[in-house]
Each structure stands twice: as C-alpha cells, then as structure tokens.
C-alpha cells in the first residue's frame, strides 16, 4: 500500500486544516498515513526566525487568519487564533509521540488542534494537555511523565532532524516516494502522487 509521511507541528494553523482533512482523503485514496509530529520552531531558528513568519509580517498574518476562517467554515469546524501564537508545542509534540507509540496519537493530535484553534486554549499549558489526554480515556499523569523521558525527547528531536534533512521548511509537509509537498493545499496532490507511484512498484 502507498504511504505518506505527514509532518506537522501542533502549533501550526494550516496543519490543523490538514489534520481535519487527511483521514477521509487518505482512506479514499488507499494511502496509509504516518503521522510525524516535529518542532517547526527549531527549523525556523536555523532560518533566522525567532517567531512565526506570520508574526514577522503582519499583513501575511492577517491574511492567514482570514484564510483559515474561510477554510474552516467550509469544513464545518471552528477557528480562532489562540494567544500566544504560536503556542509552545514542545509538550504537545512530546505527548503526541507517546500517543503514537500507544495507539492514540492521531486522536490526541486532532484533539489538540481542536482545543487550540477551535477553543483558543494554550496548548503550552500542562493542564490543557492533561485534560485532552484524560478525555481520550488515557492516563494523563503517566503520559506526561513519559513525555519527559529520554526516549520521547530523542524521538521528537529525531523527527525534527529528519524533517530538516528532508528539506522541510514549513508545516504541514507531506513526504512520499521521494517527493516533498508543502502546505495544506498540496494534500490532494501528495496523496495522488503516493498512489500513482505505488502502482508502479
């Protein structure tokens, strides 16, 4: 079966849109998605940014907000820009890696996006993350403790280093069959590429 790596940062607005859309689209395309949380902020630092480009360029930021509002309205999901933006996504990304090893990482990631961009909550707050884990029926105390372990820190760092090595510079990014596709608006193209290349092998 064709596979697609979905690289996302849990503080990324457009990754929120991709996370909402990717499941049904991938199923229809018969493509297996591997969810790959990473830290985009670390890559931004190598590019000389100390915050999101949407903050550095206010007109671009305002357009992003309106664009997300329009797209979320079409998808039937809420959108509000949280404060602070971008949120600190280290804890959320770490817990996502915990969840992915235990079978609830995708649901957790979607729930984080809903809390952040649907309700405007600060996902950098441990209490917010703990509440999300608990609502998924998981042991929040154990999950947050494991998120601070050397194992999970190494996994998140490795995902971020891999993303940088692949040439990823923004989120969401999709990697399949040796090709990099950047942006929520390239999701369909990435799935199509994955499916077409799988047929050739």
N, C-alpha and C. Protein backbone atom coordinates (compact mmCIF):
# COMPACT_ATOMS: atom_id res chain seq x y z
N UNK A 1 0.84 -1.20 0.00
CA UNK A 1 0.00 0.00 0.00
C UNK A 1 0.87 1.25 0.00
N UNK A 2 0.41 2.29 -0.67
CA UNK A 2 1.12 3.56 -0.70
C UNK A 2 1.16 4.17 0.70
N UNK A 3 2.25 4.85 1.00
CA UNK A 3 2.40 5.51 2.30
C UNK A 3 2.75 6.98 2.11
N UNK A 4 2.34 7.78 3.09
CA UNK A 4 2.59 9.22 3.08
C UNK A 4 2.99 9.64 4.48
N UNK A 5 4.12 10.31 4.61
CA UNK A 5 4.53 10.85 5.91
C UNK A 5 3.96 12.27 6.05
N UNK A 6 3.20 12.47 7.10
CA UNK A 6 2.55 13.75 7.39
C UNK A 6 3.32 14.42 8.51
N UNK A 7 4.17 15.37 8.14
CA UNK A 7 4.95 16.12 9.12
C UNK A 7 4.15 17.35 9.57
N UNK A 8 3.93 17.46 10.86
CA UNK A 8 3.09 18.55 11.38
C UNK A 8 3.62 19.05 12.71
N UNK A 9 3.42 20.33 12.95
CA UNK A 9 3.70 20.94 14.24
C UNK A 9 2.37 21.29 14.87
N UNK A 10 2.22 21.00 16.14
CA UNK A 10 0.93 21.19 16.80
C UNK A 10 0.61 22.65 17.09
N UNK A 11 1.50 23.56 16.71
CA UNK A 11 1.19 24.99 16.81
C UNK A 11 0.86 25.59 15.45
N UNK A 12 0.78 24.76 14.42
CA UNK A 12 0.62 25.24 13.04
C UNK A 12 -0.83 25.32 12.62
N UNK A 13 -1.25 26.49 12.17
CA UNK A 13 -2.64 26.69 11.75
C UNK A 13 -3.01 25.80 10.57
N UNK A 14 -2.17 25.79 9.56
CA UNK A 14 -2.51 25.02 8.37
C UNK A 14 -2.38 23.51 8.59
N UNK A 15 -1.57 23.12 9.58
CA UNK A 15 -1.54 21.70 9.95
C UNK A 15 -2.87 21.28 10.59
N UNK A 16 -3.51 22.20 11.27
CA UNK A 16 -4.85 21.95 11.82
C UNK A 16 -5.81 21.57 10.70
N UNK A 17 -5.80 22.36 9.63
CA UNK A 17 -6.67 22.06 8.50
C UNK A 17 -6.33 20.71 7.88
N UNK A 18 -5.05 20.44 7.73
CA UNK A 18 -4.64 19.17 7.14
C UNK A 18 -5.05 17.99 8.02
N UNK A 19 -4.92 18.15 9.33
CA UNK A 19 -5.28 17.08 10.25
C UNK A 19 -6.78 16.77 10.19
N UNK A 20 -7.59 17.80 9.96
CA UNK A 20 -9.03 17.60 9.81
C UNK A 20 -9.33 16.83 8.53
N UNK A 21 -8.59 17.11 7.48
CA UNK A 21 -8.94 16.58 6.15
C UNK A 21 -8.28 15.25 5.80
N UNK A 22 -7.14 14.96 6.38
CA UNK A 22 -6.28 13.90 5.83
C UNK A 22 -6.87 12.50 5.98
N UNK A 23 -7.58 12.23 7.04
CA UNK A 23 -8.09 10.88 7.27
C UNK A 23 -9.00 10.38 6.15
N UNK A 24 -10.12 11.05 5.90
CA UNK A 24 -11.03 10.59 4.83
C UNK A 24 -10.39 10.61 3.45
N UNK A 25 -9.57 11.61 3.16
CA UNK A 25 -8.93 11.69 1.85
C UNK A 25 -7.95 10.54 1.64
N UNK A 26 -7.18 10.22 2.67
CA UNK A 26 -6.21 9.13 2.56
C UNK A 26 -6.93 7.78 2.42
N UNK A 27 -8.01 7.62 3.14
CA UNK A 27 -8.77 6.37 3.04
C UNK A 27 -9.33 6.20 1.64
N UNK A 28 -9.87 7.28 1.09
CA UNK A 28 -10.43 7.21 -0.27
C UNK A 28 -9.34 6.92 -1.30
N UNK A 29 -8.13 7.41 -1.06
CA UNK A 29 -7.02 7.20 -1.99
C UNK A 29 -6.28 5.89 -1.75
N UNK A 30 -6.66 5.18 -0.68
CA UNK A 30 -6.00 3.93 -0.30
C UNK A 30 -4.52 4.16 0.00
N UNK A 31 -4.26 5.21 0.77
CA UNK A 31 -2.90 5.57 1.16
C UNK A 31 -2.79 5.52 2.69
N UNK A 32 -1.76 4.87 3.18
CA UNK A 32 -1.50 4.82 4.62
C UNK A 32 -0.73 6.07 5.04
N UNK A 33 -1.22 6.76 6.06
CA UNK A 33 -0.57 7.98 6.54
C UNK A 33 0.20 7.69 7.81
N UNK A 34 1.43 8.15 7.84
CA UNK A 34 2.24 8.07 9.06
C UNK A 34 2.33 9.48 9.64
N UNK A 35 1.75 9.66 10.80
CA UNK A 35 1.73 10.97 11.46
C UNK A 35 3.09 11.21 12.09
N UNK A 36 3.71 12.37 11.77
CA UNK A 36 5.08 12.66 12.18
C UNK A 36 5.17 14.04 12.84
N UNK A 37 4.83 14.14 14.12
CA UNK A 37 4.97 15.43 14.80
C UNK A 37 6.43 15.84 14.94
N UNK A 38 6.69 17.12 14.68
CA UNK A 38 8.05 17.65 14.80
C UNK A 38 7.95 19.09 15.28
N UNK A 39 9.11 19.71 15.53
CA UNK A 39 9.15 21.08 16.04
C UNK A 39 9.60 22.04 14.94
N UNK A 40 8.63 22.73 14.36
CA UNK A 40 8.95 23.67 13.30
C UNK A 40 9.76 24.84 13.80
N UNK A 41 9.55 25.23 15.06
CA UNK A 41 10.29 26.35 15.62
C UNK A 41 11.79 26.14 15.57
N UNK A 42 12.23 24.91 15.76
CA UNK A 42 13.67 24.62 15.71
C UNK A 42 14.21 24.85 14.31
N UNK A 43 13.41 24.53 13.29
CA UNK A 43 13.83 24.77 11.91
C UNK A 43 13.79 26.26 11.60
N UNK A 44 12.78 26.96 12.10
CA UNK A 44 12.73 28.41 11.92
C UNK A 44 13.99 29.07 12.45
N UNK A 45 14.49 28.59 13.58
CA UNK A 45 15.69 29.19 14.17
C UNK A 45 16.88 29.08 13.23
N UNK A 46 16.97 27.96 12.52
CA UNK A 46 18.08 27.81 11.57
C UNK A 46 17.91 28.74 10.37
N UNK A 47 16.67 29.21 10.15
CA UNK A 47 16.40 30.12 9.05
C UNK A 47 16.52 31.58 9.49
N UNK A 48 16.82 31.79 10.77
CA UNK A 48 16.98 33.14 11.28
C UNK A 48 15.72 33.76 11.84
N UNK A 49 14.65 32.96 12.01
CA UNK A 49 13.40 33.48 12.58
C UNK A 49 13.35 33.17 14.08
N UNK A 50 12.87 34.14 14.85
CA UNK A 50 12.68 33.89 16.28
C UNK A 50 11.20 33.72 16.63
N UNK A 51 10.34 33.76 15.61
CA UNK A 51 8.91 33.52 15.79
C UNK A 51 8.35 33.14 14.42
N UNK A 52 7.04 32.96 14.37
CA UNK A 52 6.42 32.59 13.09
C UNK A 52 6.54 33.72 12.08
N UNK A 53 6.76 33.39 10.80
CA UNK A 53 6.73 34.43 9.76
C UNK A 53 5.40 35.18 9.73
N UNK A 54 4.33 34.55 10.19
CA UNK A 54 3.03 35.23 10.25
C UNK A 54 3.04 36.37 11.27
N UNK A 55 3.92 36.28 12.26
CA UNK A 55 4.07 37.38 13.22
C UNK A 55 5.04 38.43 12.70
N UNK A 56 6.05 37.98 11.98
CA UNK A 56 7.06 38.91 11.47
C UNK A 56 6.52 39.79 10.36
N UNK A 57 5.49 39.29 9.65
CA UNK A 57 4.90 40.03 8.54
C UNK A 57 3.39 40.15 8.79
N UNK A 58 2.96 41.19 9.51
CA UNK A 58 1.57 41.31 9.92
C UNK A 58 0.54 41.18 8.80
N UNK A 59 0.75 41.78 7.61
CA UNK A 59 -0.25 41.58 6.55
C UNK A 59 -0.41 40.10 6.19
N UNK A 60 0.70 39.38 6.15
CA UNK A 60 0.65 37.94 5.88
C UNK A 60 -0.10 37.22 6.99
N UNK A 61 0.14 37.63 8.23
CA UNK A 61 -0.55 37.02 9.36
C UNK A 61 -2.05 37.26 9.33
N UNK A 62 -2.44 38.48 9.00
CA UNK A 62 -3.88 38.77 8.93
C UNK A 62 -4.55 37.98 7.81
N UNK A 63 -3.86 37.84 6.70
CA UNK A 63 -4.42 37.06 5.60
C UNK A 63 -4.54 35.59 5.98
N UNK A 64 -3.54 35.07 6.71
CA UNK A 64 -3.59 33.68 7.16
C UNK A 64 -4.82 33.44 8.04
N UNK A 65 -5.08 34.36 8.96
CA UNK A 65 -6.22 34.20 9.86
C UNK A 65 -7.52 34.18 9.07
N UNK A 66 -7.67 35.12 8.14
CA UNK A 66 -8.90 35.15 7.36
C UNK A 66 -9.03 33.92 6.47
N UNK A 67 -7.90 33.48 5.90
CA UNK A 67 -7.90 32.29 5.06
C UNK A 67 -8.33 31.07 5.87
N UNK A 68 -7.81 30.93 7.08
CA UNK A 68 -8.19 29.80 7.94
C UNK A 68 -9.66 29.90 8.34
N UNK A 69 -10.13 31.10 8.60
CA UNK A 69 -11.55 31.27 8.93
C UNK A 69 -12.43 30.79 7.78
N UNK A 70 -12.08 31.15 6.57
CA UNK A 70 -12.86 30.73 5.40
C UNK A 70 -12.83 29.22 5.23
N UNK A 71 -11.62 28.66 5.29
CA UNK A 71 -11.50 27.22 5.06
C UNK A 71 -12.17 26.41 6.16
N UNK A 72 -12.05 26.87 7.39
CA UNK A 72 -12.69 26.14 8.49
C UNK A 72 -14.21 26.22 8.37
N UNK A 73 -14.72 27.34 7.91
CA UNK A 73 -16.16 27.46 7.70
C UNK A 73 -16.64 26.44 6.66
N UNK A 74 -15.85 26.26 5.61
CA UNK A 74 -16.20 25.27 4.59
C UNK A 74 -16.14 23.86 5.14
N UNK A 75 -15.22 23.61 6.06
CA UNK A 75 -15.08 22.27 6.65
C UNK A 75 -16.05 22.03 7.80
N UNK A 76 -16.69 23.09 8.26
CA UNK A 76 -17.63 22.95 9.37
C UNK A 76 -16.96 22.80 10.72
N UNK A 77 -15.76 23.38 10.85
CA UNK A 77 -15.05 23.35 12.12
C UNK A 77 -14.73 24.78 12.54
N UNK A 78 -14.60 25.03 13.85
CA UNK A 78 -14.34 26.40 14.31
C UNK A 78 -12.90 26.81 14.10
N UNK A 79 -12.67 28.12 14.12
CA UNK A 79 -11.31 28.63 14.08
C UNK A 79 -11.22 29.90 14.90
N UNK A 80 -10.23 29.95 15.75
CA UNK A 80 -9.86 31.19 16.45
C UNK A 80 -8.37 31.11 16.73
N UNK A 81 -7.70 32.24 16.57
CA UNK A 81 -6.26 32.28 16.79
C UNK A 81 -6.01 32.36 18.30
N UNK A 82 -5.27 31.42 18.86
CA UNK A 82 -5.03 31.44 20.30
C UNK A 82 -3.98 32.48 20.68
N UNK A 83 -3.92 32.76 21.94
CA UNK A 83 -2.88 33.63 22.47
C UNK A 83 -2.17 32.86 23.59
N UNK A 84 -0.87 32.70 23.52
CA UNK A 84 0.03 33.25 22.50
C UNK A 84 -0.02 32.45 21.19
N UNK A 85 0.40 33.11 20.13
CA UNK A 85 0.57 32.44 18.85
C UNK A 85 1.95 32.78 18.30
N UNK A 86 2.72 31.80 17.87
CA UNK A 86 2.42 30.38 18.01
C UNK A 86 2.62 29.89 19.43
N UNK A 87 1.87 28.88 19.79
CA UNK A 87 2.00 28.30 21.12
C UNK A 87 3.30 27.52 21.22
N UNK A 88 3.73 27.29 22.44
CA UNK A 88 4.86 26.39 22.67
C UNK A 88 4.35 24.97 22.46
N UNK A 89 4.87 24.29 21.48
CA UNK A 89 4.34 22.97 21.12
C UNK A 89 5.22 21.81 21.58
N UNK A 90 6.23 22.10 22.38
CA UNK A 90 7.14 21.04 22.82
C UNK A 90 6.41 19.94 23.58
N UNK A 91 5.61 20.33 24.59
CA UNK A 91 4.92 19.32 25.39
C UNK A 91 3.91 18.56 24.54
N UNK A 92 3.12 19.28 23.77
CA UNK A 92 2.12 18.62 22.93
C UNK A 92 2.77 17.66 21.94
N UNK A 93 3.87 18.09 21.33
CA UNK A 93 4.58 17.23 20.40
C UNK A 93 5.14 15.99 21.08
N UNK A 94 5.63 16.17 22.29
CA UNK A 94 6.16 15.03 23.04
C UNK A 94 5.06 14.04 23.39
N UNK A 95 3.93 14.55 23.84
CA UNK A 95 2.82 13.66 24.20
C UNK A 95 2.27 12.98 22.94
N UNK A 96 2.29 13.68 21.82
CA UNK A 96 1.86 13.06 20.56
C UNK A 96 2.72 11.84 20.25
N UNK A 97 4.02 11.96 20.48
CA UNK A 97 4.91 10.82 20.25
C UNK A 97 4.58 9.67 21.21
N UNK A 98 4.26 10.01 22.45
CA UNK A 98 3.83 8.97 23.40
C UNK A 98 2.58 8.28 22.86
N UNK A 99 1.60 9.08 22.46
CA UNK A 99 0.35 8.53 21.96
C UNK A 99 0.52 7.68 20.71
N UNK A 100 1.41 8.08 19.84
CA UNK A 100 1.62 7.32 18.61
C UNK A 100 2.21 5.94 18.89
N UNK A 101 2.98 5.82 19.95
CA UNK A 101 3.51 4.51 20.32
C UNK A 101 2.47 3.66 21.03
N UNK A 102 1.39 4.28 21.50
CA UNK A 102 0.37 3.56 22.28
C UNK A 102 -0.97 3.48 21.56
N UNK A 103 -1.05 4.02 20.34
CA UNK A 103 -2.26 3.86 19.55
C UNK A 103 -3.28 4.97 19.64
N UNK A 104 -2.98 6.07 20.36
CA UNK A 104 -3.95 7.16 20.46
C UNK A 104 -3.36 8.51 20.03
N UNK A 105 -2.23 8.47 19.35
CA UNK A 105 -1.56 9.71 18.97
C UNK A 105 -2.30 10.53 17.94
N UNK A 106 -2.95 9.87 16.97
CA UNK A 106 -3.68 10.62 15.95
C UNK A 106 -4.89 11.33 16.57
N UNK A 107 -5.63 10.60 17.40
CA UNK A 107 -6.78 11.21 18.07
C UNK A 107 -6.33 12.36 18.97
N UNK A 108 -5.22 12.17 19.65
CA UNK A 108 -4.68 13.22 20.51
C UNK A 108 -4.33 14.45 19.68
N UNK A 109 -3.65 14.25 18.57
CA UNK A 109 -3.23 15.39 17.74
C UNK A 109 -4.44 16.18 17.25
N UNK A 110 -5.46 15.48 16.78
CA UNK A 110 -6.67 16.18 16.34
C UNK A 110 -7.33 16.92 17.49
N UNK A 111 -7.33 16.31 18.67
CA UNK A 111 -7.95 16.94 19.84
C UNK A 111 -7.17 18.19 20.27
N UNK A 112 -5.85 18.13 20.17
CA UNK A 112 -5.03 19.31 20.49
C UNK A 112 -5.37 20.45 19.54
N UNK A 113 -5.47 20.15 18.25
CA UNK A 113 -5.82 21.19 17.29
C UNK A 113 -7.18 21.79 17.58
N UNK A 114 -8.15 20.95 17.94
CA UNK A 114 -9.49 21.49 18.25
C UNK A 114 -9.44 22.40 19.47
N UNK A 115 -8.69 21.98 20.49
CA UNK A 115 -8.57 22.80 21.70
C UNK A 115 -7.90 24.13 21.40
N UNK A 116 -6.86 24.07 20.60
CA UNK A 116 -6.04 25.25 20.30
C UNK A 116 -6.74 26.21 19.35
N UNK A 117 -7.13 25.70 18.19
CA UNK A 117 -7.68 26.58 17.15
C UNK A 117 -9.20 26.59 17.10
N UNK A 118 -9.84 25.69 17.84
CA UNK A 118 -11.29 25.72 17.95
C UNK A 118 -11.75 26.47 19.18
N UNK A 119 -11.00 26.28 20.30
CA UNK A 119 -11.39 26.89 21.57
C UNK A 119 -10.45 27.99 22.02
N UNK A 120 -9.32 28.14 21.34
CA UNK A 120 -8.37 29.19 21.71
C UNK A 120 -7.57 28.91 22.95
N UNK A 121 -7.42 27.63 23.33
CA UNK A 121 -6.69 27.28 24.54
C UNK A 121 -5.18 27.28 24.29
N UNK A 122 -4.42 27.47 25.36
CA UNK A 122 -2.96 27.49 25.28
C UNK A 122 -2.44 26.08 25.47
N UNK A 123 -1.99 25.44 24.38
CA UNK A 123 -1.53 24.06 24.46
C UNK A 123 -0.15 23.94 25.09
N UNK A 124 0.47 25.07 25.42
CA UNK A 124 1.72 25.03 26.15
C UNK A 124 1.51 24.78 27.63
N UNK A 125 0.26 24.82 28.09
CA UNK A 125 -0.06 24.60 29.49
C UNK A 125 -0.26 23.11 29.76
N UNK A 126 0.49 22.54 30.71
CA UNK A 126 0.35 21.12 31.00
C UNK A 126 -1.07 20.71 31.36
N UNK A 127 -1.81 21.58 32.05
CA UNK A 127 -3.18 21.23 32.44
C UNK A 127 -4.07 21.03 31.23
N UNK A 128 -3.85 21.83 30.19
CA UNK A 128 -4.64 21.70 28.96
C UNK A 128 -4.34 20.36 28.29
N UNK A 129 -3.08 20.01 28.20
CA UNK A 129 -2.69 18.74 27.59
C UNK A 129 -3.19 17.57 28.42
N UNK A 130 -3.06 17.66 29.73
CA UNK A 130 -3.53 16.58 30.60
C UNK A 130 -5.02 16.35 30.44
N UNK A 131 -5.78 17.44 30.32
CA UNK A 131 -7.23 17.31 30.15
C UNK A 131 -7.57 16.61 28.83
N UNK A 132 -6.83 16.92 27.78
CA UNK A 132 -7.06 16.28 26.48
C UNK A 132 -6.78 14.79 26.57
N UNK A 133 -5.67 14.42 27.20
CA UNK A 133 -5.31 13.01 27.34
C UNK A 133 -6.39 12.28 28.14
N UNK A 134 -6.85 12.89 29.21
CA UNK A 134 -7.88 12.27 30.04
C UNK A 134 -9.17 12.05 29.27
N UNK A 135 -9.55 13.04 28.45
CA UNK A 135 -10.79 12.89 27.67
C UNK A 135 -10.69 11.76 26.66
N UNK A 136 -9.48 11.40 26.29
CA UNK A 136 -9.29 10.27 25.38
C UNK A 136 -9.28 8.93 26.12
N UNK A 137 -9.49 8.99 27.44
CA UNK A 137 -9.53 7.77 28.23
C UNK A 137 -8.17 7.21 28.59
N UNK A 138 -7.15 8.06 28.53
CA UNK A 138 -5.79 7.64 28.84
C UNK A 138 -5.34 8.21 30.18
N UNK A 139 -4.27 7.65 30.70
CA UNK A 139 -3.70 8.07 31.98
C UNK A 139 -2.84 9.32 31.73
N UNK A 140 -3.37 10.48 32.08
CA UNK A 140 -2.67 11.73 31.79
C UNK A 140 -1.37 11.85 32.55
N UNK A 141 -1.38 11.46 33.82
CA UNK A 141 -0.16 11.57 34.62
C UNK A 141 0.96 10.72 34.02
N UNK A 142 0.62 9.50 33.62
CA UNK A 142 1.62 8.61 33.05
C UNK A 142 2.11 9.13 31.70
N UNK A 143 1.18 9.65 30.90
CA UNK A 143 1.55 10.15 29.57
C UNK A 143 2.49 11.35 29.67
N UNK A 144 2.18 12.29 30.56
CA UNK A 144 3.04 13.45 30.70
C UNK A 144 4.39 13.08 31.29
N UNK A 145 4.40 12.11 32.17
CA UNK A 145 5.68 11.66 32.73
C UNK A 145 6.54 11.03 31.63
N UNK A 146 5.93 10.19 30.81
CA UNK A 146 6.69 9.55 29.73
C UNK A 146 7.14 10.57 28.69
N UNK A 147 6.34 11.63 28.52
CA UNK A 147 6.71 12.67 27.55
C UNK A 147 8.03 13.34 27.90
N UNK A 148 8.39 13.31 29.17
CA UNK A 148 9.65 13.91 29.60
C UNK A 148 10.81 12.95 29.62
N UNK A 149 10.58 11.73 29.17
CA UNK A 149 11.64 10.72 29.22
C UNK A 149 12.65 10.92 28.10
N UNK A 150 13.82 10.33 28.29
CA UNK A 150 14.87 10.43 27.28
C UNK A 150 14.41 9.79 25.97
N UNK A 151 13.65 8.72 26.05
CA UNK A 151 13.15 8.03 24.86
C UNK A 151 12.33 8.95 23.98
N UNK A 152 11.38 9.67 24.59
CA UNK A 152 10.48 10.53 23.81
C UNK A 152 11.19 11.79 23.36
N UNK A 153 12.04 12.34 24.21
CA UNK A 153 12.83 13.51 23.79
C UNK A 153 13.66 13.18 22.56
N UNK A 154 14.25 12.00 22.56
CA UNK A 154 15.06 11.56 21.42
C UNK A 154 14.20 11.39 20.17
N UNK A 155 13.00 10.83 20.34
CA UNK A 155 12.11 10.61 19.19
C UNK A 155 11.67 11.93 18.56
N UNK A 156 11.34 12.90 19.38
CA UNK A 156 10.91 14.20 18.85
C UNK A 156 12.06 14.93 18.19
N UNK A 157 13.23 14.87 18.80
CA UNK A 157 14.41 15.50 18.20
C UNK A 157 14.77 14.83 16.88
N UNK A 158 14.66 13.51 16.84
CA UNK A 158 14.99 12.78 15.61
C UNK A 158 14.01 13.12 14.50
N UNK A 159 12.73 13.26 14.83
CA UNK A 159 11.73 13.63 13.82
C UNK A 159 12.02 15.03 13.28
N UNK A 160 12.42 15.93 14.15
CA UNK A 160 12.73 17.29 13.72
C UNK A 160 13.98 17.32 12.85
N UNK A 161 14.99 16.55 13.24
CA UNK A 161 16.21 16.48 12.44
C UNK A 161 15.94 15.83 11.09
N UNK A 162 15.09 14.83 11.07
CA UNK A 162 14.74 14.19 9.80
C UNK A 162 14.00 15.16 8.89
N UNK A 163 13.08 15.92 9.49
CA UNK A 163 12.34 16.91 8.70
C UNK A 163 13.30 17.91 8.06
N UNK A 164 14.25 18.38 8.84
CA UNK A 164 15.21 19.35 8.31
C UNK A 164 16.05 18.72 7.20
N UNK A 165 16.46 17.46 7.40
CA UNK A 165 17.28 16.77 6.40
C UNK A 165 16.50 16.56 5.10
N UNK A 166 15.19 16.42 5.21
CA UNK A 166 14.35 16.24 4.03
C UNK A 166 14.08 17.55 3.29
N UNK A 167 14.53 18.65 3.88
CA UNK A 167 14.31 19.96 3.26
C UNK A 167 13.02 20.61 3.67
N UNK A 168 12.39 20.10 4.72
CA UNK A 168 11.13 20.68 5.19
C UNK A 168 11.40 22.04 5.83
N UNK A 169 10.59 23.02 5.47
CA UNK A 169 10.76 24.38 5.95
C UNK A 169 9.47 24.97 6.49
N UNK A 170 8.40 24.21 6.45
CA UNK A 170 7.11 24.68 6.93
C UNK A 170 6.19 23.51 7.22
N UNK A 171 5.05 23.81 7.80
CA UNK A 171 4.09 22.76 8.14
C UNK A 171 2.68 23.19 7.73
N UNK A 172 1.89 22.21 7.26
CA UNK A 172 2.22 20.80 7.14
C UNK A 172 3.07 20.52 5.92
N UNK A 173 3.81 19.44 5.99
CA UNK A 173 4.56 18.94 4.84
C UNK A 173 4.27 17.46 4.69
N UNK A 174 4.25 17.01 3.44
CA UNK A 174 3.95 15.61 3.14
C UNK A 174 5.10 15.05 2.31
N UNK A 175 5.60 13.90 2.71
CA UNK A 175 6.72 13.28 2.01
C UNK A 175 6.29 11.90 1.56
N UNK A 176 6.46 11.62 0.27
CA UNK A 176 6.11 10.32 -0.27
C UNK A 176 6.90 10.05 -1.54
N UNK A 177 7.38 8.84 -1.66
CA UNK A 177 8.09 8.41 -2.87
C UNK A 177 9.16 9.40 -3.29
N UNK A 178 9.88 9.93 -2.31
CA UNK A 178 10.99 10.81 -2.61
C UNK A 178 10.63 12.25 -2.93
N UNK A 179 9.36 12.61 -2.78
CA UNK A 179 8.91 13.97 -3.09
C UNK A 179 8.39 14.67 -1.83
N UNK A 180 8.63 15.97 -1.78
CA UNK A 180 8.16 16.82 -0.69
C UNK A 180 7.06 17.74 -1.19
N UNK A 181 5.94 17.73 -0.49
CA UNK A 181 4.82 18.63 -0.80
C UNK A 181 4.57 19.47 0.43
N UNK A 182 4.50 20.79 0.24
CA UNK A 182 4.34 21.70 1.37
C UNK A 182 2.98 22.38 1.32
N UNK A 183 2.28 22.33 2.44
CA UNK A 183 1.05 23.09 2.59
C UNK A 183 -0.21 22.26 2.53
N UNK A 184 -1.19 22.67 3.29
CA UNK A 184 -2.50 22.01 3.29
C UNK A 184 -3.09 21.91 1.89
N UNK A 185 -2.84 22.91 1.06
CA UNK A 185 -3.41 22.92 -0.29
C UNK A 185 -2.70 21.96 -1.23
N UNK A 186 -1.67 21.26 -0.76
CA UNK A 186 -0.99 20.26 -1.58
C UNK A 186 -1.30 18.84 -1.11
N UNK A 187 -2.22 18.71 -0.18
CA UNK A 187 -2.53 17.39 0.37
C UNK A 187 -3.05 16.44 -0.70
N UNK A 188 -4.01 16.88 -1.48
CA UNK A 188 -4.57 16.01 -2.52
C UNK A 188 -3.51 15.59 -3.53
N UNK A 189 -2.66 16.53 -3.91
CA UNK A 189 -1.60 16.21 -4.87
C UNK A 189 -0.63 15.19 -4.28
N UNK A 190 -0.30 15.35 -3.01
CA UNK A 190 0.61 14.42 -2.36
C UNK A 190 0.01 13.02 -2.31
N UNK A 191 -1.27 12.91 -1.99
CA UNK A 191 -1.93 11.60 -1.94
C UNK A 191 -1.98 10.97 -3.33
N UNK A 192 -2.26 11.78 -4.33
CA UNK A 192 -2.30 11.27 -5.69
C UNK A 192 -0.93 10.77 -6.12
N UNK A 193 0.12 11.50 -5.76
CA UNK A 193 1.49 11.10 -6.10
C UNK A 193 1.83 9.77 -5.42
N UNK A 194 1.47 9.67 -4.13
CA UNK A 194 1.75 8.44 -3.39
C UNK A 194 1.07 7.24 -4.04
N UNK A 195 -0.18 7.41 -4.41
CA UNK A 195 -0.93 6.30 -5.01
C UNK A 195 -0.38 5.92 -6.37
N UNK A 196 -0.06 6.91 -7.19
CA UNK A 196 0.42 6.62 -8.54
C UNK A 196 1.78 5.95 -8.51
N UNK A 197 2.65 6.35 -7.59
CA UNK A 197 3.98 5.75 -7.53
C UNK A 197 3.90 4.33 -6.97
N UNK A 198 2.95 4.07 -6.07
CA UNK A 198 2.81 2.72 -5.51
C UNK A 198 2.40 1.74 -6.61
N UNK A 199 1.61 2.20 -7.56
CA UNK A 199 1.16 1.32 -8.63
C UNK A 199 2.29 0.90 -9.54
N UNK A 200 3.37 1.70 -9.56
CA UNK A 200 4.49 1.41 -10.46
C UNK A 200 5.48 0.42 -9.87
N UNK A 201 5.34 0.14 -8.57
CA UNK A 201 6.32 -0.74 -7.92
C UNK A 201 5.75 -2.14 -7.77
